[in-house]
């Protein structure tokens, strides 16, 4: 949060208010693999390795019940620009 606030101050914003929102969600195996495939490092993963990687994730998750809990932290910083 501090780097974001400092960057906004440098850009001329005032009345800067940072907020953190925390949550948790439970995602099933295939949805988690789909989520991973939205991340740039997974999108560009070598096409020979990607199916093996995904199968490893699938096997690990399914052996533990087929779902994973993900804790999210979302930062929102608002400010006023005169």
C-alpha atoms as a PDB file:
ATOM      1  CA  UNK A   1       0.000   0.000   0.000  1.00  0.00           C
ATOM      2  CA  UNK A   2       2.745   2.467   0.878  1.00  0.00           C
ATOM      3  CA  UNK A   3       4.353   2.410  -2.605  1.00  0.00           C
ATOM      4  CA  UNK A   4       0.948   2.979  -4.212  1.00  0.00           C
ATOM      5  CA  UNK A   5       0.210   5.928  -1.925  1.00  0.00           C
ATOM      6  CA  UNK A   6       3.630   7.458  -2.623  1.00  0.00           C
ATOM      7  CA  UNK A   7       3.140   7.060  -6.371  1.00  0.00           C
ATOM      8  CA  UNK A   8      -0.251   8.739  -6.150  1.00  0.00           C
ATOM      9  CA  UNK A   9       1.220  11.595  -4.112  1.00  0.00           C
ATOM     10  CA  UNK A  10       3.907  12.084  -6.776  1.00  0.00           C
ATOM     11  CA  UNK A  11       1.153  12.167  -9.397  1.00  0.00           C
ATOM     12  CA  UNK A  12      -0.564  15.007  -7.548  1.00  0.00           C
ATOM     13  CA  UNK A  13      -3.375  13.172  -5.778  1.00  0.00           C
ATOM     14  CA  UNK A  14      -4.567  14.353  -2.344  1.00  0.00           C
ATOM     15  CA  UNK A  15      -6.972  12.924   0.229  1.00  0.00           C
ATOM     16  CA  UNK A  16      -5.568   9.481  -0.493  1.00  0.00           C
ATOM     17  CA  UNK A  17      -7.372   6.645   1.245  1.00  0.00           C
ATOM     18  CA  UNK A  18      -6.002   3.109   1.030  1.00  0.00           C
ATOM     19  CA  UNK A  19      -8.238   0.147   1.870  1.00  0.00           C
ATOM     20  CA  UNK A  20      -7.594  -3.576   1.953  1.00  0.00           C
ATOM     21  CA  UNK A  21     -10.354  -6.077   1.363  1.00  0.00           C
ATOM     22  CA  UNK A  22      -9.759  -9.656   2.404  1.00  0.00           C
ATOM     23  CA  UNK A  23     -11.779 -12.683   1.464  1.00  0.00           C
ATOM     24  CA  UNK A  24     -11.570 -16.391   0.964  1.00  0.00           C
ATOM     25  CA  UNK A  25     -13.008 -18.579  -1.747  1.00  0.00           C
ATOM     26  CA  UNK A  26     -13.097 -22.279  -2.409  1.00  0.00           C
ATOM     27  CA  UNK A  27     -12.280 -23.344  -5.972  1.00  0.00           C
ATOM     28  CA  UNK A  28     -12.615 -26.788  -7.518  1.00  0.00           C
ATOM     29  CA  UNK A  29      -9.783 -28.388  -9.470  1.00  0.00           C
ATOM     30  CA  UNK A  30     -10.750 -27.467 -13.033  1.00  0.00           C
ATOM     31  CA  UNK A  31     -11.700 -23.929 -12.048  1.00  0.00           C
ATOM     32  CA  UNK A  32      -8.316 -23.516 -10.354  1.00  0.00           C
ATOM     33  CA  UNK A  33      -6.497 -24.712 -13.469  1.00  0.00           C
ATOM     34  CA  UNK A  34      -8.599 -22.267 -15.481  1.00  0.00           C
ATOM     35  CA  UNK A  35      -7.607 -19.488 -13.074  1.00  0.00           C
ATOM     36  CA  UNK A  36      -3.928 -20.400 -13.428  1.00  0.00           C
ATOM     37  CA  UNK A  37      -4.306 -20.071 -17.190  1.00  0.00           C
ATOM     38  CA  UNK A  38      -5.219 -16.400 -16.817  1.00  0.00           C
ATOM     39  CA  UNK A  39      -1.761 -15.645 -15.369  1.00  0.00           C
ATOM     40  CA  UNK A  40       0.828 -14.523 -17.900  1.00  0.00           C
ATOM     41  CA  UNK A  41       3.506 -16.959 -16.725  1.00  0.00           C
ATOM     42  CA  UNK A  42       1.113 -19.859 -17.338  1.00  0.00           C
ATOM     43  CA  UNK A  43      -0.110 -18.503 -20.668  1.00  0.00           C
ATOM     44  CA  UNK A  44       3.447 -18.487 -22.035  1.00  0.00           C
ATOM     45  CA  UNK A  45       4.440 -21.812 -20.455  1.00  0.00           C
ATOM     46  CA  UNK A  46       6.155 -24.231 -22.836  1.00  0.00           C
ATOM     47  CA  UNK A  47       3.450 -26.232 -24.644  1.00  0.00           C
ATOM     48  CA  UNK A  48       5.238 -29.511 -23.862  1.00  0.00           C
ATOM     49  CA  UNK A  49       5.435 -28.796 -20.128  1.00  0.00           C
ATOM     50  CA  UNK A  50       2.028 -27.191 -19.608  1.00  0.00           C
ATOM     51  CA  UNK A  51      -0.092 -30.395 -19.840  1.00  0.00           C
ATOM     52  CA  UNK A  52       2.276 -32.185 -17.443  1.00  0.00           C
ATOM     53  CA  UNK A  53       2.143 -29.272 -15.025  1.00  0.00           C
ATOM     54  CA  UNK A  54      -1.653 -29.155 -15.165  1.00  0.00           C
ATOM     55  CA  UNK A  55      -1.934 -32.903 -14.665  1.00  0.00           C
ATOM     56  CA  UNK A  56       0.323 -32.654 -11.612  1.00  0.00           C
ATOM     57  CA  UNK A  57      -1.898 -29.922 -10.178  1.00  0.00           C
ATOM     58  CA  UNK A  58      -4.999 -31.994 -11.004  1.00  0.00           C
ATOM     59  CA  UNK A  59      -3.647 -35.126  -9.315  1.00  0.00           C
ATOM     60  CA  UNK A  60      -2.475 -33.249  -6.208  1.00  0.00           C
ATOM     61  CA  UNK A  61      -5.746 -31.394  -5.780  1.00  0.00           C
ATOM     62  CA  UNK A  62      -7.959 -34.400  -6.458  1.00  0.00           C
ATOM     63  CA  UNK A  63      -6.024 -36.468  -3.937  1.00  0.00           C
ATOM     64  CA  UNK A  64      -6.907 -33.822  -1.324  1.00  0.00           C
ATOM     65  CA  UNK A  65     -10.613 -33.504  -2.066  1.00  0.00           C
ATOM     66  CA  UNK A  66     -10.664 -31.673  -5.395  1.00  0.00           C
ATOM     67  CA  UNK A  67     -10.749 -28.128  -4.102  1.00  0.00           C
ATOM     68  CA  UNK A  68      -8.502 -25.413  -2.751  1.00  0.00           C
ATOM     69  CA  UNK A  69      -9.148 -22.442  -0.506  1.00  0.00           C
ATOM     70  CA  UNK A  70      -7.684 -19.208  -1.815  1.00  0.00           C
ATOM     71  CA  UNK A  71      -7.229 -16.190   0.411  1.00  0.00           C
ATOM     72  CA  UNK A  72      -7.595 -12.964  -1.534  1.00  0.00           C
ATOM     73  CA  UNK A  73      -6.322  -9.518  -0.617  1.00  0.00           C
ATOM     74  CA  UNK A  74      -7.517  -6.699  -2.832  1.00  0.00           C
ATOM     75  CA  UNK A  75      -6.051  -3.225  -2.486  1.00  0.00           C
ATOM     76  CA  UNK A  76      -8.126  -0.173  -3.321  1.00  0.00           C
ATOM     77  CA  UNK A  77      -6.537   3.249  -3.130  1.00  0.00           C
ATOM     78  CA  UNK A  78      -8.674   6.268  -3.900  1.00  0.00           C
ATOM     79  CA  UNK A  79      -7.680   9.890  -4.017  1.00  0.00           C
ATOM     80  CA  UNK A  80      -8.607  13.289  -5.312  1.00  0.00           C
ATOM     81  CA  UNK A  81      -6.769  15.016  -8.105  1.00  0.00           C
ATOM     82  CA  UNK A  82      -7.127  18.787  -7.876  1.00  0.00           C
END
